[in-house]
Amino acid sequence: MKTIFSISIALFLLFPLLVQGQISPADVQADSTKTVQITLTDDSRLFGQILSVSDSEIELRQESGRTFIELSRVTSIRHVDTTRRGYDWFVNPNQSRLLISSTARPLEKGAGYYQNIYAFVSGVAYGITDNIVLTGGLSMIPGVGITNQLYFLSGKYGRQVSENHYLAGGLGMVSAGGLDNGLFFGYGNYTYDFHRGSLTTGLTGFNLPSEDVGTTSILFGGDYRVSQRIAIVSENYFFTEAGAGLFSYGVRLMGERGSFDLAFFRSSLDDGLGFGIPYVDFVFNF
């Protein structure tokens, strides 16, 4: 059982690398009244209004004139409000996650990311459809046997229910030493997405009863971009049965393809942690 579980995790981590998402004509809507940002395969961005779409290219109106763009060069298209500061910033590369927990926003079909935590824990998330995301990973701690490493696997269904509002639900497990020692959990999250940031709240239930934390927690967190490349992030949990909390605050440095997080977690059960327990990770989108 442990061998099969290890192989399943390895195959899951390799699967996204074999699949590539692609923009199709059905994904593009021509509208001369709305300004869009088009990101190309070389990470350059174009702004303008889409006048027409064919099977192979987009006709874009810019201030300098009309441009024809091959669909094969397009990685994403989004509407922008040119009256707002930061409209020409690149898209937040972490819209589907806070630090450890996910927001209610799903990944787009064919999109994904690699995440590394503390250098020894690696994970991959991949959008199977526009609403379903699978996430899995494992630790690679030197000197620890493969069967005693940390494994995790989860699935999320999320969707936009109205403008700026998202709902999601998911199931998952975390284990060290096989399924027999696994922590299983289920959650429901809500995210409100706004210009330059988002707020997320939700409820999580898990199967390991503890006198210190109980079996349920409430999540409240969010992120806010203070500039194109810098955001502040917070992810907080309140354990309802114990009246205890776990709180965090941090800074996210962002690029077009990924980010680096430096944060600190503090528990309400211990006042001797100073700034808190450091949390470090980086994310690369593919």
C-alpha atoms as a PDB file:
ATOM      1  CA  MET A   1       0.000   0.000   0.000  1.00  0.00           C
ATOM      2  CA  LYS A   2       2.790   2.446   0.878  1.00  0.00           C
ATOM      3  CA  THR A   3       4.602   1.705  -2.409  1.00  0.00           C
ATOM      4  CA  ILE A   4       1.448   2.217  -4.474  1.00  0.00           C
ATOM      5  CA  PHE A   5       0.731   5.458  -2.622  1.00  0.00           C
ATOM      6  CA  SER A   6       4.263   6.764  -3.290  1.00  0.00           C
ATOM      7  CA  ILE A   7       4.058   5.897  -6.999  1.00  0.00           C
ATOM      8  CA  SER A   8       0.644   7.596  -7.291  1.00  0.00           C
ATOM      9  CA  ILE A   9       2.031  10.813  -5.820  1.00  0.00           C
ATOM     10  CA  ALA A  10       5.035  10.725  -8.187  1.00  0.00           C
ATOM     11  CA  LEU A  11       2.825  10.225 -11.254  1.00  0.00           C
ATOM     12  CA  PHE A  12       0.552  13.040 -10.095  1.00  0.00           C
ATOM     13  CA  LEU A  13       3.494  15.433  -9.800  1.00  0.00           C
ATOM     14  CA  LEU A  14       4.742  14.577 -13.305  1.00  0.00           C
ATOM     15  CA  PHE A  15       1.348  14.707 -15.041  1.00  0.00           C
ATOM     16  CA  PRO A  16       1.024  18.530 -15.370  1.00  0.00           C
ATOM     17  CA  LEU A  17       4.417  18.741 -17.072  1.00  0.00           C
ATOM     18  CA  LEU A  18       3.074  16.630 -19.924  1.00  0.00           C
ATOM     19  CA  VAL A  19      -0.021  18.749 -20.607  1.00  0.00           C
ATOM     20  CA  GLN A  20      -0.145  22.246 -22.070  1.00  0.00           C
ATOM     21  CA  GLY A  21      -3.101  24.651 -21.967  1.00  0.00           C
ATOM     22  CA  GLN A  22      -3.998  26.615 -25.104  1.00  0.00           C
ATOM     23  CA  ILE A  23      -6.225  29.567 -25.960  1.00  0.00           C
ATOM     24  CA  SER A  24      -8.907  28.657 -28.513  1.00  0.00           C
ATOM     25  CA  PRO A  25     -11.226  30.957 -30.542  1.00  0.00           C
ATOM     26  CA  ALA A  26     -14.074  29.963 -28.204  1.00  0.00           C
ATOM     27  CA  ASP A  27     -12.130  31.505 -25.285  1.00  0.00           C
ATOM     28  CA  VAL A  28     -11.992  34.947 -26.950  1.00  0.00           C
ATOM     29  CA  GLN A  29     -14.829  37.460 -27.201  1.00  0.00           C
ATOM     30  CA  ALA A  30     -14.677  40.407 -29.584  1.00  0.00           C
ATOM     31  CA  ASP A  31     -15.857  43.672 -27.961  1.00  0.00           C
ATOM     32  CA  SER A  32     -14.671  47.049 -29.221  1.00  0.00           C
ATOM     33  CA  THR A  33     -15.962  48.797 -26.040  1.00  0.00           C
ATOM     34  CA  LYS A  34     -13.792  46.925 -23.508  1.00  0.00           C
ATOM     35  CA  THR A  35     -10.041  47.118 -22.996  1.00  0.00           C
ATOM     36  CA  VAL A  36      -8.188  43.847 -22.494  1.00  0.00           C
ATOM     37  CA  GLN A  37      -4.695  42.815 -21.494  1.00  0.00           C
ATOM     38  CA  ILE A  38      -3.272  40.051 -23.684  1.00  0.00           C
ATOM     39  CA  THR A  39      -0.256  38.168 -22.357  1.00  0.00           C
ATOM     40  CA  LEU A  40       1.951  36.410 -24.885  1.00  0.00           C
ATOM     41  CA  THR A  41       4.205  33.365 -24.613  1.00  0.00           C
ATOM     42  CA  ASP A  42       7.270  35.615 -24.149  1.00  0.00           C
ATOM     43  CA  ASP A  43       5.500  37.287 -21.156  1.00  0.00           C
ATOM     44  CA  SER A  44       5.013  40.574 -23.033  1.00  0.00           C
ATOM     45  CA  ARG A  45       1.628  42.300 -22.624  1.00  0.00           C
ATOM     46  CA  LEU A  46      -0.530  44.147 -25.129  1.00  0.00           C
ATOM     47  CA  PHE A  47      -3.467  46.457 -24.324  1.00  0.00           C
ATOM     48  CA  GLY A  48      -6.363  47.325 -26.580  1.00  0.00           C
ATOM     49  CA  GLN A  49      -9.817  46.333 -27.788  1.00  0.00           C
ATOM     50  CA  ILE A  50     -10.516  43.037 -29.561  1.00  0.00           C
ATOM     51  CA  LEU A  51     -12.226  43.787 -32.884  1.00  0.00           C
ATOM     52  CA  SER A  52     -12.456  40.275 -34.326  1.00  0.00           C
ATOM     53  CA  VAL A  53     -11.396  36.680 -33.779  1.00  0.00           C
ATOM     54  CA  SER A  54     -10.630  33.988 -36.359  1.00  0.00           C
ATOM     55  CA  ASP A  55      -9.486  30.385 -36.032  1.00  0.00           C
ATOM     56  CA  SER A  56      -5.853  31.474 -35.959  1.00  0.00           C
ATOM     57  CA  GLU A  57      -5.568  35.127 -34.876  1.00  0.00           C
ATOM     58  CA  ILE A  58      -6.975  38.080 -32.959  1.00  0.00           C
ATOM     59  CA  GLU A  59      -7.443  41.570 -34.369  1.00  0.00           C
ATOM     60  CA  LEU A  60      -6.514  44.067 -31.638  1.00  0.00           C
ATOM     61  CA  ARG A  61      -7.017  47.851 -31.795  1.00  0.00           C
ATOM     62  CA  GLN A  62      -4.264  49.795 -30.003  1.00  0.00           C
ATOM     63  CA  GLU A  63      -3.400  53.474 -29.794  1.00  0.00           C
ATOM     64  CA  SER A  64      -0.758  52.931 -32.478  1.00  0.00           C
ATOM     65  CA  GLY A  65      -3.191  51.150 -34.806  1.00  0.00           C
ATOM     66  CA  ARG A  66      -4.498  47.663 -35.477  1.00  0.00           C
ATOM     67  CA  THR A  67      -2.435  44.568 -34.710  1.00  0.00           C
ATOM     68  CA  PHE A  68      -3.017  40.927 -35.666  1.00  0.00           C
ATOM     69  CA  ILE A  69      -1.875  38.397 -33.040  1.00  0.00           C
ATOM     70  CA  GLU A  70      -1.550  34.660 -33.615  1.00  0.00           C
ATOM     71  CA  LEU A  71      -3.652  32.682 -31.122  1.00  0.00           C
ATOM     72  CA  SER A  72      -0.772  30.254 -30.618  1.00  0.00           C
ATOM     73  CA  ARG A  73       1.212  33.111 -29.011  1.00  0.00           C
ATOM     74  CA  VAL A  74      -1.522  34.025 -26.491  1.00  0.00           C
ATOM     75  CA  THR A  75      -1.388  32.613 -22.952  1.00  0.00           C
ATOM     76  CA  SER A  76      -4.116  34.703 -21.288  1.00  0.00           C
ATOM     77  CA  ILE A  77      -6.680  37.445 -21.887  1.00  0.00           C
ATOM     78  CA  ARG A  78      -8.370  39.562 -19.218  1.00  0.00           C
ATOM     79  CA  HIS A  79     -10.463  42.727 -19.077  1.00  0.00           C
ATOM     80  CA  VAL A  80      -8.899  45.778 -17.400  1.00  0.00           C
ATOM     81  CA  ASP A  81     -10.221  49.091 -16.092  1.00  0.00           C
ATOM     82  CA  THR A  82      -7.863  51.767 -17.391  1.00  0.00           C
ATOM     83  CA  THR A  83      -9.158  54.296 -14.858  1.00  0.00           C
ATOM     84  CA  ARG A  84      -7.657  52.360 -11.939  1.00  0.00           C
ATOM     85  CA  ARG A  85      -4.080  52.553 -10.736  1.00  0.00           C
ATOM     86  CA  GLY A  86      -2.267  49.346 -11.539  1.00  0.00           C
ATOM     87  CA  TYR A  87      -4.483  48.295 -14.447  1.00  0.00           C
ATOM     88  CA  ASP A  88      -1.359  47.553 -16.496  1.00  0.00           C
ATOM     89  CA  TRP A  89       0.257  45.358 -13.816  1.00  0.00           C
ATOM     90  CA  PHE A  90       0.813  41.701 -14.588  1.00  0.00           C
ATOM     91  CA  VAL A  91      -1.770  39.299 -13.147  1.00  0.00           C
ATOM     92  CA  ASN A  92      -1.291  38.212  -9.539  1.00  0.00           C
ATOM     93  CA  PRO A  93       0.450  34.816  -9.887  1.00  0.00           C
ATOM     94  CA  ASN A  94      -1.154  33.551  -6.639  1.00  0.00           C
ATOM     95  CA  GLN A  95      -4.881  34.164  -7.090  1.00  0.00           C
ATOM     96  CA  SER A  96      -5.773  30.580  -6.138  1.00  0.00           C
ATOM     97  CA  ARG A  97      -3.880  30.432  -2.829  1.00  0.00           C
ATOM     98  CA  LEU A  98      -2.859  32.332   0.297  1.00  0.00           C
ATOM     99  CA  LEU A  99       0.169  30.802   2.067  1.00  0.00           C
ATOM    100  CA  ILE A 100      -0.812  27.219   2.865  1.00  0.00           C
ATOM    101  CA  SER A 101      -4.555  27.247   2.229  1.00  0.00           C
ATOM    102  CA  SER A 102      -6.283  27.895  -1.071  1.00  0.00           C
ATOM    103  CA  THR A 103      -8.718  30.654  -1.915  1.00  0.00           C
ATOM    104  CA  ALA A 104     -12.052  29.853  -3.576  1.00  0.00           C
ATOM    105  CA  ARG A 105     -10.669  30.898  -6.965  1.00  0.00           C
ATOM    106  CA  PRO A 106      -9.844  27.882  -9.143  1.00  0.00           C
ATOM    107  CA  LEU A 107      -7.006  27.643 -11.611  1.00  0.00           C
ATOM    108  CA  GLU A 108      -7.894  27.844 -15.271  1.00  0.00           C
ATOM    109  CA  LYS A 109      -7.939  24.617 -17.262  1.00  0.00           C
ATOM    110  CA  GLY A 110      -4.376  23.636 -18.172  1.00  0.00           C
ATOM    111  CA  ALA A 111      -2.786  26.097 -15.713  1.00  0.00           C
ATOM    112  CA  GLY A 112      -0.758  25.062 -12.709  1.00  0.00           C
ATOM    113  CA  TYR A 113       2.103  25.846 -10.380  1.00  0.00           C
ATOM    114  CA  TYR A 114       4.999  24.248  -8.523  1.00  0.00           C
ATOM    115  CA  GLN A 115       5.383  25.256  -4.866  1.00  0.00           C
ATOM    116  CA  ASN A 116       8.394  24.672  -2.620  1.00  0.00           C
ATOM    117  CA  ILE A 117       8.146  25.170   1.162  1.00  0.00           C
ATOM    118  CA  TYR A 118      11.203  25.294   3.435  1.00  0.00           C
ATOM    119  CA  ALA A 119      13.287  23.868   0.539  1.00  0.00           C
ATOM    120  CA  PHE A 120      12.298  20.293   1.539  1.00  0.00           C
ATOM    121  CA  VAL A 121       8.558  20.189   0.690  1.00  0.00           C
ATOM    122  CA  SER A 122       7.430  20.257  -2.953  1.00  0.00           C
ATOM    123  CA  GLY A 123       3.924  20.376  -4.357  1.00  0.00           C
ATOM    124  CA  VAL A 124       2.144  20.791  -7.678  1.00  0.00           C
ATOM    125  CA  ALA A 125      -1.358  22.126  -8.419  1.00  0.00           C
ATOM    126  CA  TYR A 126      -3.051  21.664 -11.784  1.00  0.00           C
ATOM    127  CA  GLY A 127      -6.352  22.822 -13.274  1.00  0.00           C
ATOM    128  CA  ILE A 128      -8.061  19.728 -14.697  1.00  0.00           C
ATOM    129  CA  THR A 129     -10.977  21.914 -15.840  1.00  0.00           C
ATOM    130  CA  ASP A 130     -11.863  25.570 -15.241  1.00  0.00           C
ATOM    131  CA  ASN A 131     -13.481  24.462 -11.967  1.00  0.00           C
ATOM    132  CA  ILE A 132     -11.519  21.422 -10.722  1.00  0.00           C
ATOM    133  CA  VAL A 133      -8.008  21.663  -9.264  1.00  0.00           C
ATOM    134  CA  LEU A 134      -5.839  18.794  -8.030  1.00  0.00           C
ATOM    135  CA  THR A 135      -2.919  19.390  -5.667  1.00  0.00           C
ATOM    136  CA  GLY A 136      -0.316  16.929  -4.443  1.00  0.00           C
ATOM    137  CA  GLY A 137       3.192  16.804  -3.085  1.00  0.00           C
ATOM    138  CA  LEU A 138       5.740  15.312  -0.740  1.00  0.00           C
ATOM    139  CA  SER A 139       8.703  16.172   1.423  1.00  0.00           C
ATOM    140  CA  MET A 140      12.307  15.287   0.581  1.00  0.00           C
ATOM    141  CA  ILE A 141      14.038  15.519   3.959  1.00  0.00           C
ATOM    142  CA  PRO A 142      17.613  14.153   3.865  1.00  0.00           C
ATOM    143  CA  GLY A 143      18.124  11.029   5.921  1.00  0.00           C
ATOM    144  CA  VAL A 144      14.414  10.173   6.114  1.00  0.00           C
ATOM    145  CA  GLY A 145      13.167   7.082   4.257  1.00  0.00           C
ATOM    146  CA  ILE A 146      10.657   7.537   1.458  1.00  0.00           C
ATOM    147  CA  THR A 147       7.932   5.741   3.409  1.00  0.00           C
ATOM    148  CA  ASN A 148       8.335   8.172   6.322  1.00  0.00           C
ATOM    149  CA  GLN A 149       8.267  11.355   4.266  1.00  0.00           C
ATOM    150  CA  LEU A 150       5.288  13.739   4.347  1.00  0.00           C
ATOM    151  CA  TYR A 151       2.704  13.312   1.580  1.00  0.00           C
ATOM    152  CA  PHE A 152      -0.345  15.410   0.755  1.00  0.00           C
ATOM    153  CA  LEU A 153      -3.106  15.228  -1.835  1.00  0.00           C
ATOM    154  CA  SER A 154      -6.268  17.294  -2.286  1.00  0.00           C
ATOM    155  CA  GLY A 155      -8.942  18.204  -4.785  1.00  0.00           C
ATOM    156  CA  LYS A 156     -10.956  21.415  -5.056  1.00  0.00           C
ATOM    157  CA  TYR A 157     -14.071  22.415  -6.954  1.00  0.00           C
ATOM    158  CA  GLY A 158     -14.447  26.187  -7.258  1.00  0.00           C
ATOM    159  CA  ARG A 159     -16.420  28.574  -9.386  1.00  0.00           C
ATOM    160  CA  GLN A 160     -17.357  32.222  -9.804  1.00  0.00           C
ATOM    161  CA  VAL A 161     -20.938  32.685  -8.603  1.00  0.00           C
ATOM    162  CA  SER A 162     -21.173  36.382  -9.506  1.00  0.00           C
ATOM    163  CA  GLU A 163     -18.831  39.230 -10.318  1.00  0.00           C
ATOM    164  CA  ASN A 164     -15.928  39.212  -7.812  1.00  0.00           C
ATOM    165  CA  HIS A 165     -17.491  36.405  -5.726  1.00  0.00           C
ATOM    166  CA  TYR A 166     -16.218  32.804  -5.626  1.00  0.00           C
ATOM    167  CA  LEU A 167     -17.207  29.633  -3.761  1.00  0.00           C
ATOM    168  CA  ALA A 168     -15.196  26.414  -3.427  1.00  0.00           C
ATOM    169  CA  GLY A 169     -15.196  23.106  -1.607  1.00  0.00           C
ATOM    170  CA  GLY A 170     -12.519  20.478  -1.298  1.00  0.00           C
ATOM    171  CA  LEU A 171     -11.286  17.239   0.268  1.00  0.00           C
ATOM    172  CA  GLY A 172      -7.737  16.226   1.076  1.00  0.00           C
ATOM    173  CA  MET A 173      -5.308  14.287   3.193  1.00  0.00           C
ATOM    174  CA  VAL A 174      -1.864  14.716   4.759  1.00  0.00           C
ATOM    175  CA  SER A 175       0.195  11.738   5.885  1.00  0.00           C
ATOM    176  CA  ALA A 176       3.622  10.771   7.173  1.00  0.00           C
ATOM    177  CA  GLY A 177       4.194   7.058   6.954  1.00  0.00           C
ATOM    178  CA  GLY A 178       1.248   5.954   4.820  1.00  0.00           C
ATOM    179  CA  LEU A 179      -2.521   6.247   4.669  1.00  0.00           C
ATOM    180  CA  ASP A 180      -3.000   4.575   8.054  1.00  0.00           C
ATOM    181  CA  ASN A 181      -1.517   7.676   9.726  1.00  0.00           C
ATOM    182  CA  GLY A 182      -3.309  10.200   7.521  1.00  0.00           C
ATOM    183  CA  LEU A 183      -5.068  13.407   8.499  1.00  0.00           C
ATOM    184  CA  PHE A 184      -8.177  13.780   6.330  1.00  0.00           C
ATOM    185  CA  PHE A 185      -9.985  17.081   5.929  1.00  0.00           C
ATOM    186  CA  GLY A 186     -12.805  18.794   4.077  1.00  0.00           C
ATOM    187  CA  TYR A 187     -13.457  22.496   3.635  1.00  0.00           C
ATOM    188  CA  GLY A 188     -15.679  25.151   2.114  1.00  0.00           C
ATOM    189  CA  ASN A 189     -14.296  28.593   1.221  1.00  0.00           C
ATOM    190  CA  TYR A 190     -15.641  31.927  -0.015  1.00  0.00           C
ATOM    191  CA  THR A 191     -13.462  34.574  -1.699  1.00  0.00           C
ATOM    192  CA  TYR A 192     -14.258  38.184  -2.517  1.00  0.00           C
ATOM    193  CA  ASP A 193     -11.910  39.416  -5.222  1.00  0.00           C
ATOM    194  CA  PHE A 194     -11.283  43.139  -5.610  1.00  0.00           C
ATOM    195  CA  HIS A 195      -8.866  45.398  -7.436  1.00  0.00           C
ATOM    196  CA  ARG A 196      -5.335  44.665  -6.139  1.00  0.00           C
ATOM    197  CA  GLY A 197      -6.427  42.082  -3.563  1.00  0.00           C
ATOM    198  CA  SER A 198      -8.854  39.534  -2.145  1.00  0.00           C
ATOM    199  CA  LEU A 199     -10.454  38.336   1.107  1.00  0.00           C
ATOM    200  CA  THR A 200     -11.137  34.678   1.905  1.00  0.00           C
ATOM    201  CA  THR A 201     -13.076  32.978   4.678  1.00  0.00           C
ATOM    202  CA  GLY A 202     -14.157  29.384   5.186  1.00  0.00           C
ATOM    203  CA  LEU A 203     -14.748  26.406   7.446  1.00  0.00           C
ATOM    204  CA  THR A 204     -12.553  23.270   7.696  1.00  0.00           C
ATOM    205  CA  GLY A 205     -13.248  19.975   9.436  1.00  0.00           C
ATOM    206  CA  PHE A 206     -10.616  17.285  10.093  1.00  0.00           C
ATOM    207  CA  ASN A 207     -10.559  13.792  11.534  1.00  0.00           C
ATOM    208  CA  LEU A 208      -7.991  13.969  14.352  1.00  0.00           C
ATOM    209  CA  PRO A 209      -9.697  15.173  17.547  1.00  0.00           C
ATOM    210  CA  SER A 210      -7.434  17.200  19.824  1.00  0.00           C
ATOM    211  CA  GLU A 211      -8.086  18.793  23.187  1.00  0.00           C
ATOM    212  CA  ASP A 212      -5.972  21.759  22.102  1.00  0.00           C
ATOM    213  CA  VAL A 213      -7.607  22.563  18.747  1.00  0.00           C
ATOM    214  CA  GLY A 214     -10.725  20.368  18.359  1.00  0.00           C
ATOM    215  CA  THR A 215     -11.881  19.144  14.935  1.00  0.00           C
ATOM    216  CA  THR A 216     -13.010  22.326  13.133  1.00  0.00           C
ATOM    217  CA  SER A 217     -11.464  25.672  12.259  1.00  0.00           C
ATOM    218  CA  ILE A 218     -12.557  28.937  10.665  1.00  0.00           C
ATOM    219  CA  LEU A 219     -10.253  30.507   8.080  1.00  0.00           C
ATOM    220  CA  PHE A 220      -9.938  34.229   7.478  1.00  0.00           C
ATOM    221  CA  GLY A 221      -7.208  35.647   5.257  1.00  0.00           C
ATOM    222  CA  GLY A 222      -6.393  37.877   2.365  1.00  0.00           C
ATOM    223  CA  ASP A 223      -3.784  39.607   0.253  1.00  0.00           C
ATOM    224  CA  TYR A 224      -3.260  43.161  -1.011  1.00  0.00           C
ATOM    225  CA  ARG A 225      -0.806  44.431  -3.610  1.00  0.00           C
ATOM    226  CA  VAL A 226       0.927  47.602  -2.446  1.00  0.00           C
ATOM    227  CA  SER A 227       2.823  47.746  -5.754  1.00  0.00           C
ATOM    228  CA  GLN A 228       3.096  45.656  -8.893  1.00  0.00           C
ATOM    229  CA  ARG A 229       5.674  43.309  -7.318  1.00  0.00           C
ATOM    230  CA  ILE A 230       4.918  43.483  -3.575  1.00  0.00           C
ATOM    231  CA  ALA A 231       1.881  42.255  -1.649  1.00  0.00           C
ATOM    232  CA  ILE A 232       1.038  41.726   2.004  1.00  0.00           C
ATOM    233  CA  VAL A 233      -0.537  38.369   2.915  1.00  0.00           C
ATOM    234  CA  SER A 234      -2.290  37.047   6.013  1.00  0.00           C
ATOM    235  CA  GLU A 235      -3.768  33.600   6.740  1.00  0.00           C
ATOM    236  CA  ASN A 236      -5.491  33.001  10.079  1.00  0.00           C
ATOM    237  CA  TYR A 237      -7.348  30.137  11.753  1.00  0.00           C
ATOM    238  CA  PHE A 238      -9.695  30.070  14.729  1.00  0.00           C
ATOM    239  CA  PHE A 239     -10.275  26.638  16.280  1.00  0.00           C
ATOM    240  CA  THR A 240     -13.869  26.842  17.452  1.00  0.00           C
ATOM    241  CA  GLU A 241     -13.899  24.054  20.043  1.00  0.00           C
ATOM    242  CA  ALA A 242     -10.747  25.215  21.830  1.00  0.00           C
ATOM    243  CA  GLY A 243     -11.107  28.978  21.534  1.00  0.00           C
ATOM    244  CA  ALA A 244      -7.553  29.084  20.146  1.00  0.00           C
ATOM    245  CA  GLY A 245      -6.101  30.740  17.078  1.00  0.00           C
ATOM    246  CA  LEU A 246      -3.210  30.519  14.631  1.00  0.00           C
ATOM    247  CA  PHE A 247      -2.296  33.813  12.970  1.00  0.00           C
ATOM    248  CA  SER A 248       0.121  34.856  10.251  1.00  0.00           C
ATOM    249  CA  TYR A 249       1.436  37.911   8.446  1.00  0.00           C
ATOM    250  CA  GLY A 250       3.918  38.183   5.627  1.00  0.00           C
ATOM    251  CA  VAL A 251       5.262  39.772   2.464  1.00  0.00           C
ATOM    252  CA  ARG A 252       5.014  38.359  -1.060  1.00  0.00           C
ATOM    253  CA  LEU A 253       7.503  39.355  -3.758  1.00  0.00           C
ATOM    254  CA  MET A 254       5.972  38.698  -7.171  1.00  0.00           C
ATOM    255  CA  GLY A 255       7.082  38.234 -10.749  1.00  0.00           C
ATOM    256  CA  GLU A 256       5.027  37.398 -13.796  1.00  0.00           C
ATOM    257  CA  ARG A 257       5.657  33.660 -13.440  1.00  0.00           C
ATOM    258  CA  GLY A 258       5.887  33.214  -9.692  1.00  0.00           C
ATOM    259  CA  SER A 259       6.514  34.583  -6.236  1.00  0.00           C
ATOM    260  CA  PHE A 260       8.513  34.329  -3.008  1.00  0.00           C
ATOM    261  CA  ASP A 261       6.832  34.464   0.429  1.00  0.00           C
ATOM    262  CA  LEU A 262       8.316  35.356   3.795  1.00  0.00           C
ATOM    263  CA  ALA A 263       5.794  35.128   6.623  1.00  0.00           C
ATOM    264  CA  PHE A 264       5.493  34.367  10.339  1.00  0.00           C
ATOM    265  CA  PHE A 265       2.932  32.184  12.140  1.00  0.00           C
ATOM    266  CA  ARG A 266       1.949  32.776  15.775  1.00  0.00           C
ATOM    267  CA  SER A 267      -0.282  30.718  18.060  1.00  0.00           C
ATOM    268  CA  SER A 268      -2.578  32.206  20.679  1.00  0.00           C
ATOM    269  CA  LEU A 269      -1.603  29.283  22.930  1.00  0.00           C
ATOM    270  CA  ASP A 270       2.037  30.426  23.265  1.00  0.00           C
ATOM    271  CA  ASP A 271       3.180  34.016  23.882  1.00  0.00           C
ATOM    272  CA  GLY A 272       6.903  33.228  23.727  1.00  0.00           C
ATOM    273  CA  LEU A 273       7.342  33.011  19.947  1.00  0.00           C
ATOM    274  CA  GLY A 274       8.579  36.541  19.313  1.00  0.00           C
ATOM    275  CA  PHE A 275       7.824  37.431  15.706  1.00  0.00           C
ATOM    276  CA  GLY A 276       6.488  33.897  15.221  1.00  0.00           C
ATOM    277  CA  ILE A 277       7.580  30.760  13.389  1.00  0.00           C
ATOM    278  CA  PRO A 278       9.127  31.709  10.009  1.00  0.00           C
ATOM    279  CA  TYR A 279       7.453  30.438   6.851  1.00  0.00           C
ATOM    280  CA  VAL A 280       9.292  30.548   3.506  1.00  0.00           C
ATOM    281  CA  ASP A 281       8.166  29.349   0.113  1.00  0.00           C
ATOM    282  CA  PHE A 282       8.428  30.081  -3.586  1.00  0.00           C
ATOM    283  CA  VAL A 283       5.995  29.366  -6.418  1.00  0.00           C
ATOM    284  CA  PHE A 284       6.580  28.932 -10.142  1.00  0.00           C
ATOM    285  CA  ASN A 285       3.604  28.951 -12.523  1.00  0.00           C
ATOM    286  CA  PHE A 286       3.471  26.865 -15.677  1.00  0.00           C
END
